[in-house]
C-alpha atoms as a PDB file:
ATOM      1  CA  MET A   1      21.951 -18.572 -25.973  1.00  0.00           C
ATOM      2  CA  LYS A   2      19.154 -16.125 -26.841  1.00  0.00           C
ATOM      3  CA  ILE A   3      17.339 -18.798 -28.871  1.00  0.00           C
ATOM      4  CA  ALA A   4      17.561 -21.262 -25.974  1.00  0.00           C
ATOM      5  CA  LYS A   5      16.264 -18.625 -23.571  1.00  0.00           C
ATOM      6  CA  ASN A   6      13.314 -17.882 -25.849  1.00  0.00           C
ATOM      7  CA  ILE A   7      12.506 -21.605 -26.162  1.00  0.00           C
ATOM      8  CA  PHE A   8      12.641 -22.018 -22.359  1.00  0.00           C
ATOM      9  CA  SER A   9      10.434 -18.957 -21.899  1.00  0.00           C
ATOM     10  CA  GLY A  10       7.979 -20.325 -24.436  1.00  0.00           C
ATOM     11  CA  LEU A  11       7.800 -23.684 -22.660  1.00  0.00           C
ATOM     12  CA  LEU A  12       7.181 -21.989 -19.316  1.00  0.00           C
ATOM     13  CA  ASP A  13       4.391 -19.957 -20.855  1.00  0.00           C
ATOM     14  CA  LEU A  14       2.909 -23.107 -22.406  1.00  0.00           C
ATOM     15  CA  PHE A  15       2.839 -25.178 -19.212  1.00  0.00           C
ATOM     16  CA  PHE A  16       2.612 -22.365 -16.607  1.00  0.00           C
ATOM     17  CA  PRO A  17       0.851 -19.492 -18.394  1.00  0.00           C
ATOM     18  CA  SER A  18       0.612 -16.123 -16.685  1.00  0.00           C
ATOM     19  CA  VAL A  19      -3.020 -15.376 -15.954  1.00  0.00           C
ATOM     20  CA  CYS A  20      -4.955 -12.343 -14.768  1.00  0.00           C
ATOM     21  CA  VAL A  21      -5.371 -12.486 -10.984  1.00  0.00           C
ATOM     22  CA  ALA A  22      -8.885 -11.060 -11.287  1.00  0.00           C
ATOM     23  CA  CYS A  23     -10.462 -13.068 -14.142  1.00  0.00           C
ATOM     24  CA  SER A  24      -7.905 -15.873 -14.776  1.00  0.00           C
ATOM     25  CA  ARG A  25      -7.592 -15.086 -18.485  1.00  0.00           C
ATOM     26  CA  LYS A  26      -4.203 -15.750 -20.029  1.00  0.00           C
ATOM     27  CA  LEU A  27      -2.146 -12.568 -20.118  1.00  0.00           C
ATOM     28  CA  VAL A  28      -0.753 -11.397 -23.424  1.00  0.00           C
ATOM     29  CA  GLU A  29       2.466  -9.540 -24.146  1.00  0.00           C
ATOM     30  CA  GLY A  30       2.517  -6.154 -22.430  1.00  0.00           C
ATOM     31  CA  GLU A  31       0.152  -7.224 -19.621  1.00  0.00           C
ATOM     32  CA  ALA A  32       1.299  -7.909 -16.066  1.00  0.00           C
ATOM     33  CA  PHE A  33      -0.810  -9.441 -13.271  1.00  0.00           C
ATOM     34  CA  LEU A  34      -4.041  -7.980 -14.694  1.00  0.00           C
ATOM     35  CA  CYS A  35      -5.444  -8.096 -18.186  1.00  0.00           C
ATOM     36  CA  LEU A  36      -6.116  -4.685 -19.682  1.00  0.00           C
ATOM     37  CA  GLU A  37      -9.875  -5.151 -19.329  1.00  0.00           C
ATOM     38  CA  CYS A  38      -9.685  -5.842 -15.589  1.00  0.00           C
ATOM     39  CA  LEU A  39      -7.150  -3.073 -15.075  1.00  0.00           C
ATOM     40  CA  ALA A  40      -9.438  -0.598 -16.830  1.00  0.00           C
ATOM     41  CA  GLY A  41     -12.336  -1.838 -14.696  1.00  0.00           C
ATOM     42  CA  LEU A  42     -10.687  -0.990 -11.372  1.00  0.00           C
ATOM     43  CA  PRO A  43     -12.551   2.051 -10.015  1.00  0.00           C
ATOM     44  CA  LYS A  44     -10.098   4.918  -9.513  1.00  0.00           C
ATOM     45  CA  THR A  45     -10.921   7.471  -6.837  1.00  0.00           C
ATOM     46  CA  ASN A  46      -8.953  10.412  -8.315  1.00  0.00           C
ATOM     47  CA  PHE A  47      -8.631  11.574  -4.682  1.00  0.00           C
ATOM     48  CA  CYS A  48      -5.054  12.746  -5.297  1.00  0.00           C
ATOM     49  CA  HIS A  49      -6.607  15.538  -7.380  1.00  0.00           C
ATOM     50  CA  GLN A  50      -9.372  16.367  -4.868  1.00  0.00           C
ATOM     51  CA  PRO A  51      -8.836  18.504  -1.750  1.00  0.00           C
ATOM     52  CA  GLN A  52     -11.109  17.468   1.144  1.00  0.00           C
ATOM     53  CA  ASN A  53     -11.732  14.076  -0.435  1.00  0.00           C
ATOM     54  CA  PRO A  54     -13.311  11.289   1.684  1.00  0.00           C
ATOM     55  CA  VAL A  55      -9.929   9.971   2.884  1.00  0.00           C
ATOM     56  CA  GLU A  56      -8.936  13.440   4.063  1.00  0.00           C
ATOM     57  CA  GLN A  57     -12.310  13.799   5.758  1.00  0.00           C
ATOM     58  CA  ILE A  58     -11.950  10.546   7.689  1.00  0.00           C
ATOM     59  CA  PHE A  59      -8.707  11.788   9.292  1.00  0.00           C
ATOM     60  CA  ALA A  60      -9.668  15.448   9.668  1.00  0.00           C
ATOM     61  CA  GLY A  61      -9.270  16.584  13.274  1.00  0.00           C
ATOM     62  CA  ARG A  62      -7.549  13.371  14.392  1.00  0.00           C
ATOM     63  CA  PHE A  63      -3.963  14.536  13.782  1.00  0.00           C
ATOM     64  CA  PRO A  64      -2.266  17.150  11.569  1.00  0.00           C
ATOM     65  CA  PHE A  65      -1.547  16.061   7.983  1.00  0.00           C
ATOM     66  CA  LEU A  66      -1.034  17.720   4.601  1.00  0.00           C
ATOM     67  CA  ASN A  67      -2.605  15.341   2.065  1.00  0.00           C
ATOM     68  CA  ALA A  68      -4.446  12.022   2.156  1.00  0.00           C
ATOM     69  CA  ALA A  69      -5.677   9.828  -0.685  1.00  0.00           C
ATOM     70  CA  SER A  70      -6.419   6.315  -1.854  1.00  0.00           C
ATOM     71  CA  PHE A  71      -6.018   5.222  -5.454  1.00  0.00           C
ATOM     72  CA  PHE A  72      -8.929   2.808  -5.919  1.00  0.00           C
ATOM     73  CA  HIS A  73     -12.373   2.305  -4.424  1.00  0.00           C
ATOM     74  CA  PHE A  74     -12.622  -1.021  -2.588  1.00  0.00           C
ATOM     75  CA  SER A  75     -15.735  -3.200  -2.643  1.00  0.00           C
ATOM     76  CA  LYS A  76     -16.260  -6.747  -1.406  1.00  0.00           C
ATOM     77  CA  GLY A  77     -15.936  -9.218  -4.248  1.00  0.00           C
ATOM     78  CA  GLY A  78     -14.442  -6.592  -6.540  1.00  0.00           C
ATOM     79  CA  GLY A  79     -11.239  -6.795  -8.537  1.00  0.00           C
ATOM     80  CA  LEU A  80      -9.207  -4.889  -5.963  1.00  0.00           C
ATOM     81  CA  GLN A  81     -10.156  -7.345  -3.227  1.00  0.00           C
ATOM     82  CA  GLN A  82      -8.850 -10.188  -5.393  1.00  0.00           C
ATOM     83  CA  ILE A  83      -5.602  -8.321  -6.036  1.00  0.00           C
ATOM     84  CA  LEU A  84      -5.013  -7.527  -2.354  1.00  0.00           C
ATOM     85  CA  HIS A  85      -5.859 -11.122  -1.429  1.00  0.00           C
ATOM     86  CA  GLU A  86      -3.240 -12.262  -3.945  1.00  0.00           C
ATOM     87  CA  LEU A  87      -0.726  -9.881  -2.388  1.00  0.00           C
ATOM     88  CA  LYS A  88      -1.411 -10.717   1.245  1.00  0.00           C
ATOM     89  CA  TYR A  89      -2.297 -14.419   1.211  1.00  0.00           C
ATOM     90  CA  LYS A  90      -1.044 -15.959  -2.051  1.00  0.00           C
ATOM     91  CA  ASP A  91       2.676 -15.180  -1.684  1.00  0.00           C
ATOM     92  CA  ASN A  92       2.580 -12.779  -4.658  1.00  0.00           C
ATOM     93  CA  GLY A  93       4.889 -10.050  -3.391  1.00  0.00           C
ATOM     94  CA  PRO A  94       5.779  -8.726  -6.884  1.00  0.00           C
ATOM     95  CA  ILE A  95       2.190  -7.600  -7.403  1.00  0.00           C
ATOM     96  CA  GLY A  96       2.671  -5.154  -4.517  1.00  0.00           C
ATOM     97  CA  ILE A  97       5.635  -3.539  -6.231  1.00  0.00           C
ATOM     98  CA  TRP A  98       3.652  -3.398  -9.480  1.00  0.00           C
ATOM     99  CA  LEU A  99       0.730  -1.725  -7.686  1.00  0.00           C
ATOM    100  CA  GLY A 100       3.074   0.808  -6.091  1.00  0.00           C
ATOM    101  CA  GLU A 101       4.642   1.687  -9.431  1.00  0.00           C
ATOM    102  CA  LEU A 102       1.245   1.962 -11.087  1.00  0.00           C
ATOM    103  CA  CYS A 103       0.025   4.396  -8.438  1.00  0.00           C
ATOM    104  CA  GLY A 104       3.345   6.203  -8.088  1.00  0.00           C
ATOM    105  CA  ASN A 105       3.473   7.181 -11.751  1.00  0.00           C
ATOM    106  CA  GLU A 106       0.114   8.931 -11.497  1.00  0.00           C
ATOM    107  CA  LEU A 107       0.748  10.416  -8.048  1.00  0.00           C
ATOM    108  CA  LYS A 108       3.970  11.924  -9.378  1.00  0.00           C
ATOM    109  CA  LYS A 109       2.125  13.605 -12.257  1.00  0.00           C
ATOM    110  CA  SER A 110      -0.546  14.965  -9.911  1.00  0.00           C
ATOM    111  CA  GLY A 111       1.963  16.708  -7.627  1.00  0.00           C
ATOM    112  CA  PHE A 112       0.835  14.621  -4.646  1.00  0.00           C
ATOM    113  CA  MET A 113       4.386  13.377  -4.083  1.00  0.00           C
ATOM    114  CA  LYS A 114       6.116  16.739  -4.466  1.00  0.00           C
ATOM    115  CA  PRO A 115       6.429  17.608  -0.742  1.00  0.00           C
ATOM    116  CA  ILE A 116       7.356  14.051   0.339  1.00  0.00           C
ATOM    117  CA  ASP A 117      10.835  13.407   1.748  1.00  0.00           C
ATOM    118  CA  VAL A 118      10.515   9.743   2.677  1.00  0.00           C
ATOM    119  CA  ILE A 119       8.047   6.864   2.283  1.00  0.00           C
ATOM    120  CA  VAL A 120       7.173   4.814   5.389  1.00  0.00           C
ATOM    121  CA  PRO A 121       5.115   1.617   5.087  1.00  0.00           C
ATOM    122  CA  VAL A 122       2.767   0.684   7.912  1.00  0.00           C
ATOM    123  CA  PRO A 123       4.773  -2.094   9.614  1.00  0.00           C
ATOM    124  CA  LEU A 124       3.721  -5.678  10.237  1.00  0.00           C
ATOM    125  CA  HIS A 125       4.490  -7.446  13.489  1.00  0.00           C
ATOM    126  CA  PRO A 126       7.602  -9.645  13.011  1.00  0.00           C
ATOM    127  CA  LYS A 127       5.593 -12.798  13.780  1.00  0.00           C
ATOM    128  CA  ARG A 128       3.054 -12.073  11.068  1.00  0.00           C
ATOM    129  CA  GLN A 129       5.751 -10.954   8.631  1.00  0.00           C
ATOM    130  CA  ARG A 130       7.632 -14.230   9.092  1.00  0.00           C
ATOM    131  CA  LYS A 131       4.439 -16.145   8.368  1.00  0.00           C
ATOM    132  CA  ARG A 132       3.605 -14.075   5.259  1.00  0.00           C
ATOM    133  CA  GLY A 133       7.203 -13.801   4.113  1.00  0.00           C
ATOM    134  CA  TYR A 134       7.105 -10.035   3.603  1.00  0.00           C
ATOM    135  CA  ASN A 135       5.256  -6.868   4.559  1.00  0.00           C
ATOM    136  CA  GLN A 136       2.791  -6.113   1.767  1.00  0.00           C
ATOM    137  CA  CYS A 137       2.920  -2.384   2.583  1.00  0.00           C
ATOM    138  CA  LEU A 138       6.695  -2.398   2.154  1.00  0.00           C
ATOM    139  CA  ARG A 139       6.281  -3.949  -1.290  1.00  0.00           C
ATOM    140  CA  ILE A 140       3.842  -1.172  -2.232  1.00  0.00           C
ATOM    141  CA  ALA A 141       6.212   1.443  -0.804  1.00  0.00           C
ATOM    142  CA  LYS A 142       9.088   0.052  -2.878  1.00  0.00           C
ATOM    143  CA  GLY A 143       6.964   0.350  -6.004  1.00  0.00           C
ATOM    144  CA  LEU A 144       6.162   3.960  -5.140  1.00  0.00           C
ATOM    145  CA  SER A 145       9.873   4.557  -4.624  1.00  0.00           C
ATOM    146  CA  HIS A 146      10.742   3.037  -8.015  1.00  0.00           C
ATOM    147  CA  ALA A 147       8.261   5.365  -9.722  1.00  0.00           C
ATOM    148  CA  THR A 148       9.136   8.549  -7.843  1.00  0.00           C
ATOM    149  CA  GLY A 149      12.768   8.217  -6.732  1.00  0.00           C
ATOM    150  CA  ILE A 150      11.812   8.910  -3.102  1.00  0.00           C
ATOM    151  CA  ASP A 151      13.540   6.710  -0.520  1.00  0.00           C
ATOM    152  CA  VAL A 152      11.731   4.179   1.672  1.00  0.00           C
ATOM    153  CA  CYS A 153      12.388   3.980   5.419  1.00  0.00           C
ATOM    154  CA  ASP A 154      11.086   0.851   7.144  1.00  0.00           C
ATOM    155  CA  ASP A 155      13.344   1.008  10.202  1.00  0.00           C
ATOM    156  CA  ALA A 156      11.967   3.992  12.109  1.00  0.00           C
ATOM    157  CA  VAL A 157       8.576   2.584  13.182  1.00  0.00           C
ATOM    158  CA  LYS A 158       8.068  -0.934  14.534  1.00  0.00           C
ATOM    159  CA  ARG A 159       4.934  -2.905  15.296  1.00  0.00           C
ATOM    160  CA  VAL A 160       5.423  -4.165  18.834  1.00  0.00           C
ATOM    161  CA  ILE A 161       2.038  -5.789  19.483  1.00  0.00           C
ATOM    162  CA  ASP A 162       0.605  -8.528  17.266  1.00  0.00           C
ATOM    163  CA  ASN A 163      -2.976  -7.359  17.499  1.00  0.00           C
ATOM    164  CA  LYS A 164      -5.880  -9.478  16.279  1.00  0.00           C
ATOM    165  CA  SER A 165      -7.416  -8.979  12.839  1.00  0.00           C
ATOM    166  CA  GLN A 166      -9.627  -5.922  12.429  1.00  0.00           C
ATOM    167  CA  THR A 167     -11.918  -7.554   9.878  1.00  0.00           C
ATOM    168  CA  LYS A 168     -14.933  -8.443  12.034  1.00  0.00           C
ATOM    169  CA  LYS A 169     -14.575  -5.734  14.675  1.00  0.00           C
ATOM    170  CA  SER A 170     -16.825  -2.734  15.219  1.00  0.00           C
ATOM    171  CA  ARG A 171     -15.509   0.777  14.631  1.00  0.00           C
ATOM    172  CA  LEU A 172     -14.876   1.367  18.351  1.00  0.00           C
ATOM    173  CA  ALA A 173     -13.295  -2.069  18.788  1.00  0.00           C
ATOM    174  CA  ARG A 174     -10.940  -1.376  15.874  1.00  0.00           C
ATOM    175  CA  PHE A 175      -9.539   1.713  17.594  1.00  0.00           C
ATOM    176  CA  GLU A 176      -9.178  -0.147  20.885  1.00  0.00           C
ATOM    177  CA  ASN A 177      -7.475  -3.036  19.064  1.00  0.00           C
ATOM    178  CA  VAL A 178      -4.669  -0.830  17.656  1.00  0.00           C
ATOM    179  CA  SER A 179      -3.910   1.227  20.758  1.00  0.00           C
ATOM    180  CA  GLY A 180      -0.167   1.186  21.476  1.00  0.00           C
ATOM    181  CA  ILE A 181       0.721  -1.340  18.767  1.00  0.00           C
ATOM    182  CA  PHE A 182       3.482   0.839  17.203  1.00  0.00           C
ATOM    183  CA  HIS A 183       6.758   2.174  18.577  1.00  0.00           C
ATOM    184  CA  LEU A 184       8.969   4.947  17.184  1.00  0.00           C
ATOM    185  CA  GLU A 185      12.270   3.098  17.350  1.00  0.00           C
ATOM    186  CA  HIS A 186      14.519   5.536  15.468  1.00  0.00           C
ATOM    187  CA  PRO A 187      12.973   9.020  15.601  1.00  0.00           C
ATOM    188  CA  THR A 188      16.048  10.718  14.115  1.00  0.00           C
ATOM    189  CA  LEU A 189      15.314   9.008  10.780  1.00  0.00           C
ATOM    190  CA  LEU A 190      12.084  10.995  10.501  1.00  0.00           C
ATOM    191  CA  GLU A 191      12.957  14.275  12.227  1.00  0.00           C
ATOM    192  CA  ASN A 192      12.039  17.361  10.183  1.00  0.00           C
ATOM    193  CA  ARG A 193      10.940  15.196   7.266  1.00  0.00           C
ATOM    194  CA  HIS A 194       7.650  14.971   5.394  1.00  0.00           C
ATOM    195  CA  VAL A 195       6.577  11.329   5.662  1.00  0.00           C
ATOM    196  CA  LEU A 196       4.215   9.548   3.282  1.00  0.00           C
ATOM    197  CA  LEU A 197       2.628   6.813   5.375  1.00  0.00           C
ATOM    198  CA  VAL A 198       1.537   3.903   3.151  1.00  0.00           C
ATOM    199  CA  ASP A 199      -1.060   1.170   3.753  1.00  0.00           C
ATOM    200  CA  ASP A 200      -2.808  -1.296   1.477  1.00  0.00           C
ATOM    201  CA  LEU A 201      -6.400  -0.531   2.539  1.00  0.00           C
ATOM    202  CA  ILE A 202      -8.193   2.096   4.609  1.00  0.00           C
ATOM    203  CA  THR A 203     -11.572   1.276   6.167  1.00  0.00           C
ATOM    204  CA  THR A 204     -12.122   3.076   9.482  1.00  0.00           C
ATOM    205  CA  GLY A 205      -8.553   4.419   9.411  1.00  0.00           C
ATOM    206  CA  ALA A 206      -7.827   3.112  12.915  1.00  0.00           C
ATOM    207  CA  THR A 207      -4.471   1.496  12.079  1.00  0.00           C
ATOM    208  CA  MET A 208      -3.298   4.474  10.020  1.00  0.00           C
ATOM    209  CA  ASP A 209      -4.388   6.827  12.801  1.00  0.00           C
ATOM    210  CA  GLU A 210      -2.280   5.000  15.399  1.00  0.00           C
ATOM    211  CA  CYS A 211       0.729   4.752  13.075  1.00  0.00           C
ATOM    212  CA  ALA A 212       0.544   8.443  12.125  1.00  0.00           C
ATOM    213  CA  ARG A 213       0.457   9.497  15.768  1.00  0.00           C
ATOM    214  CA  THR A 214       3.553   7.380  16.361  1.00  0.00           C
ATOM    215  CA  VAL A 215       5.418   8.998  13.440  1.00  0.00           C
ATOM    216  CA  LEU A 216       4.482  12.480  14.635  1.00  0.00           C
ATOM    217  CA  ARG A 217       6.416  11.885  17.845  1.00  0.00           C
ATOM    218  CA  ALA A 218       9.549  12.510  15.790  1.00  0.00           C
ATOM    219  CA  GLU A 219      10.520  16.172  16.173  1.00  0.00           C
ATOM    220  CA  GLY A 220       9.405  18.271  13.225  1.00  0.00           C
ATOM    221  CA  ALA A 221       7.880  15.326  11.344  1.00  0.00           C
ATOM    222  CA  ARG A 222       4.989  16.008   8.972  1.00  0.00           C
ATOM    223  CA  ILE A 223       2.523  13.485   7.520  1.00  0.00           C
ATOM    224  CA  SER A 224       0.708  12.664   4.315  1.00  0.00           C
ATOM    225  CA  ILE A 225      -1.287   9.462   3.851  1.00  0.00           C
ATOM    226  CA  PHE A 226      -1.739   7.052   0.964  1.00  0.00           C
ATOM    227  CA  ALA A 227      -3.411   3.677   0.492  1.00  0.00           C
ATOM    228  CA  ILE A 228      -4.006   1.512  -2.561  1.00  0.00           C
ATOM    229  CA  GLY A 229      -7.704   1.260  -1.713  1.00  0.00           C
ATOM    230  CA  SER A 230     -10.353   2.672   0.585  1.00  0.00           C
ATOM    231  CA  ALA A 231     -13.731   1.289   1.620  1.00  0.00           C
ATOM    232  CA  LEU A 232     -15.452   4.489   2.726  1.00  0.00           C
END
């Protein structure tokens, strides 16, 4: 049975080789989704080790929070953009879990996760989630949970308005576009808990801002913020 399984695995690798999502090189044993060279080339922010980092500064004064960080710097055409495109538009949900685990292992060592009681992914509208097949932020949150042992809650906050894409909007238009798009459906799930709110990418922070304000309507809730990437 084991021999047959190895032969089948070898045939799959021969005809459908796993390749790096950033450079398309064939992956070797021990690599997943990215080759080691591309993985090493992703620009880490190290914000989880830096008080008053740029992600914290973008949300300062908007709402109360304890910590805020992104894991990688985002640039157009860069490796992270290719990875997030794979996650959001190429039906590659497992890469989101892998990203979450990758980040979660380092966040755990840094102490960033120590005060967190529950992980909450920024929700997708049901219509968009049906089209994509999954919420990419939930996949990232599950990876963080695997690495840290902290539970995920994706039932408390719902996206009730399917707002248009933020991509080509001005800063002011982005904030107007997200107004009222979330609803705190089950506040008791978040009462008196420290919530890590998780997104894939932070640019102006408009979506995260609106979602955080919604979470904070739960009595005694506290917030920290994390995203895979930030373009600041």
